């Protein structure tokens, strides 16, 4: 989640609390009950938001993790393309020798 999104969500949450507090008397709810209701709404929203954060942490769905996975995928594609180009530039004998060496000394 970007900083801009966090700010937008914070403003929306504040507006929801303000609107529920201001309009409560207009629908027949006194100020004390209105402030209690708006506080409950705010607490529920914040607790839900915090729980969603913990859920994303546990499942590894954080923004940094997702960016790192995308970067790693692109990096591996570039490296594999370069290796394939170099391998294809070798003669058939050199390719066969390299393949034999790789079979003799497999990666641990």
C-alpha atoms as a PDB file:
ATOM      1  CA  UNK A   1       0.000   0.000   0.000  1.00  0.00           C
ATOM      2  CA  UNK A   2       1.422   3.363  -0.987  1.00  0.00           C
ATOM      3  CA  UNK A   3       1.607   6.442   1.209  1.00  0.00           C
ATOM      4  CA  UNK A   4      -1.024   8.121  -0.961  1.00  0.00           C
ATOM      5  CA  UNK A   5      -3.457   5.254  -0.447  1.00  0.00           C
ATOM      6  CA  UNK A   6      -2.888   5.357   3.314  1.00  0.00           C
ATOM      7  CA  UNK A   7      -3.655   9.073   3.332  1.00  0.00           C
ATOM      8  CA  UNK A   8      -6.791   8.547   1.227  1.00  0.00           C
ATOM      9  CA  UNK A   9      -8.033   5.797   3.526  1.00  0.00           C
ATOM     10  CA  UNK A  10      -7.287   7.931   6.598  1.00  0.00           C
ATOM     11  CA  UNK A  11      -9.248  10.852   5.156  1.00  0.00           C
ATOM     12  CA  UNK A  12     -12.168   8.590   4.222  1.00  0.00           C
ATOM     13  CA  UNK A  13     -12.244   7.074   7.721  1.00  0.00           C
ATOM     14  CA  UNK A  14     -12.192  10.545   9.273  1.00  0.00           C
ATOM     15  CA  UNK A  15     -15.004  11.683   6.985  1.00  0.00           C
ATOM     16  CA  UNK A  16     -17.103   8.634   7.858  1.00  0.00           C
ATOM     17  CA  UNK A  17     -16.699   9.407  11.563  1.00  0.00           C
ATOM     18  CA  UNK A  18     -17.477  13.100  11.041  1.00  0.00           C
ATOM     19  CA  UNK A  19     -20.526  12.416   8.888  1.00  0.00           C
ATOM     20  CA  UNK A  20     -21.922   9.856  11.324  1.00  0.00           C
ATOM     21  CA  UNK A  21     -21.386  12.291  14.229  1.00  0.00           C
ATOM     22  CA  UNK A  22     -22.932  15.283  12.417  1.00  0.00           C
ATOM     23  CA  UNK A  23     -25.947  13.479  10.979  1.00  0.00           C
ATOM     24  CA  UNK A  24     -26.822  11.456  14.094  1.00  0.00           C
ATOM     25  CA  UNK A  25     -28.846  14.310  15.690  1.00  0.00           C
ATOM     26  CA  UNK A  26     -30.746  14.816  12.426  1.00  0.00           C
ATOM     27  CA  UNK A  27     -32.107  11.276  12.562  1.00  0.00           C
ATOM     28  CA  UNK A  28     -33.103  11.533  16.209  1.00  0.00           C
ATOM     29  CA  UNK A  29     -29.979  10.332  18.023  1.00  0.00           C
ATOM     30  CA  UNK A  30     -28.639  12.561  20.816  1.00  0.00           C
ATOM     31  CA  UNK A  31     -25.032  13.821  20.812  1.00  0.00           C
ATOM     32  CA  UNK A  32     -23.765  11.311  23.378  1.00  0.00           C
ATOM     33  CA  UNK A  33     -25.193   8.327  21.487  1.00  0.00           C
ATOM     34  CA  UNK A  34     -24.001   9.799  18.193  1.00  0.00           C
ATOM     35  CA  UNK A  35     -20.457  10.186  19.452  1.00  0.00           C
ATOM     36  CA  UNK A  36     -20.568   6.644  20.845  1.00  0.00           C
ATOM     37  CA  UNK A  37     -21.822   5.239  17.541  1.00  0.00           C
ATOM     38  CA  UNK A  38     -19.239   7.162  15.486  1.00  0.00           C
ATOM     39  CA  UNK A  39     -16.474   6.017  17.869  1.00  0.00           C
ATOM     40  CA  UNK A  40     -17.617   2.382  17.521  1.00  0.00           C
ATOM     41  CA  UNK A  41     -17.644   2.679  13.733  1.00  0.00           C
ATOM     42  CA  UNK A  42     -14.138   4.150  13.792  1.00  0.00           C
ATOM     43  CA  UNK A  43     -12.835   1.453  16.145  1.00  0.00           C
ATOM     44  CA  UNK A  44     -14.338  -1.332  14.007  1.00  0.00           C
ATOM     45  CA  UNK A  45     -12.780   0.124  10.842  1.00  0.00           C
ATOM     46  CA  UNK A  46      -9.351   0.528  12.459  1.00  0.00           C
ATOM     47  CA  UNK A  47      -9.382  -2.959  14.017  1.00  0.00           C
ATOM     48  CA  UNK A  48     -10.373  -4.419  10.630  1.00  0.00           C
ATOM     49  CA  UNK A  49      -7.578  -2.503   8.936  1.00  0.00           C
ATOM     50  CA  UNK A  50      -4.981  -3.686  11.470  1.00  0.00           C
ATOM     51  CA  UNK A  51      -6.186  -7.296  11.167  1.00  0.00           C
ATOM     52  CA  UNK A  52      -5.938  -7.090   7.375  1.00  0.00           C
ATOM     53  CA  UNK A  53      -2.360  -5.843   7.797  1.00  0.00           C
ATOM     54  CA  UNK A  54      -1.460  -8.824   9.997  1.00  0.00           C
ATOM     55  CA  UNK A  55      -3.166 -11.151   7.504  1.00  0.00           C
ATOM     56  CA  UNK A  56      -1.019  -9.727   4.675  1.00  0.00           C
ATOM     57  CA  UNK A  57       2.142 -10.089   6.796  1.00  0.00           C
ATOM     58  CA  UNK A  58       1.403 -13.725   7.636  1.00  0.00           C
ATOM     59  CA  UNK A  59       0.599 -14.579   4.002  1.00  0.00           C
ATOM     60  CA  UNK A  60       3.570 -12.640   2.580  1.00  0.00           C
ATOM     61  CA  UNK A  61       1.381 -10.282   0.538  1.00  0.00           C
ATOM     62  CA  UNK A  62       3.181  -7.114   1.606  1.00  0.00           C
ATOM     63  CA  UNK A  63       3.953  -4.465  -1.008  1.00  0.00           C
ATOM     64  CA  UNK A  64       7.722  -4.905  -0.641  1.00  0.00           C
ATOM     65  CA  UNK A  65       7.443  -8.673  -0.992  1.00  0.00           C
ATOM     66  CA  UNK A  66       5.331  -8.345  -4.134  1.00  0.00           C
ATOM     67  CA  UNK A  67       7.780  -5.833  -5.659  1.00  0.00           C
ATOM     68  CA  UNK A  68      10.682  -8.108  -4.822  1.00  0.00           C
ATOM     69  CA  UNK A  69       8.980 -11.103  -6.474  1.00  0.00           C
ATOM     70  CA  UNK A  70       8.294  -9.084  -9.650  1.00  0.00           C
ATOM     71  CA  UNK A  71      11.875  -7.786  -9.723  1.00  0.00           C
ATOM     72  CA  UNK A  72      13.301 -11.253  -9.185  1.00  0.00           C
ATOM     73  CA  UNK A  73      11.146 -12.704 -11.976  1.00  0.00           C
ATOM     74  CA  UNK A  74      12.278 -10.011 -14.450  1.00  0.00           C
ATOM     75  CA  UNK A  75      15.913 -10.359 -13.337  1.00  0.00           C
ATOM     76  CA  UNK A  76      15.871 -14.131 -13.828  1.00  0.00           C
ATOM     77  CA  UNK A  77      14.328 -13.723 -17.294  1.00  0.00           C
ATOM     78  CA  UNK A  78      17.090 -11.303 -18.361  1.00  0.00           C
ATOM     79  CA  UNK A  79      19.831 -13.561 -16.982  1.00  0.00           C
ATOM     80  CA  UNK A  80      18.318 -16.682 -18.580  1.00  0.00           C
ATOM     81  CA  UNK A  81      18.035 -14.896 -21.937  1.00  0.00           C
ATOM     82  CA  UNK A  82      21.697 -13.832 -21.743  1.00  0.00           C
ATOM     83  CA  UNK A  83      22.819 -17.341 -20.785  1.00  0.00           C
ATOM     84  CA  UNK A  84      20.768 -18.860 -23.593  1.00  0.00           C
ATOM     85  CA  UNK A  85      22.250 -16.409 -26.108  1.00  0.00           C
ATOM     86  CA  UNK A  86      25.800 -17.243 -24.963  1.00  0.00           C
ATOM     87  CA  UNK A  87      25.039 -20.974 -25.022  1.00  0.00           C
ATOM     88  CA  UNK A  88      23.618 -20.763 -28.549  1.00  0.00           C
ATOM     89  CA  UNK A  89      26.716 -18.826 -29.670  1.00  0.00           C
ATOM     90  CA  UNK A  90      28.919 -21.781 -28.730  1.00  0.00           C
ATOM     91  CA  UNK A  91      29.797 -24.465 -31.252  1.00  0.00           C
ATOM     92  CA  UNK A  92      28.064 -27.849 -31.005  1.00  0.00           C
ATOM     93  CA  UNK A  93      31.194 -29.434 -29.539  1.00  0.00           C
ATOM     94  CA  UNK A  94      31.491 -26.728 -26.882  1.00  0.00           C
ATOM     95  CA  UNK A  95      27.791 -27.079 -26.044  1.00  0.00           C
ATOM     96  CA  UNK A  96      28.137 -30.852 -25.663  1.00  0.00           C
ATOM     97  CA  UNK A  97      31.267 -30.466 -23.504  1.00  0.00           C
ATOM     98  CA  UNK A  98      29.516 -27.928 -21.287  1.00  0.00           C
ATOM     99  CA  UNK A  99      26.473 -30.200 -20.916  1.00  0.00           C
ATOM    100  CA  UNK A 100      28.733 -33.136 -19.974  1.00  0.00           C
ATOM    101  CA  UNK A 101      30.536 -30.994 -17.376  1.00  0.00           C
ATOM    102  CA  UNK A 102      27.203 -29.942 -15.909  1.00  0.00           C
ATOM    103  CA  UNK A 103      26.043 -33.557 -15.685  1.00  0.00           C
ATOM    104  CA  UNK A 104      29.295 -34.575 -13.981  1.00  0.00           C
ATOM    105  CA  UNK A 105      29.084 -31.750 -11.426  1.00  0.00           C
ATOM    106  CA  UNK A 106      25.401 -31.200 -10.684  1.00  0.00           C
ATOM    107  CA  UNK A 107      24.365 -28.227  -8.648  1.00  0.00           C
ATOM    108  CA  UNK A 108      24.108 -29.087  -4.957  1.00  0.00           C
END
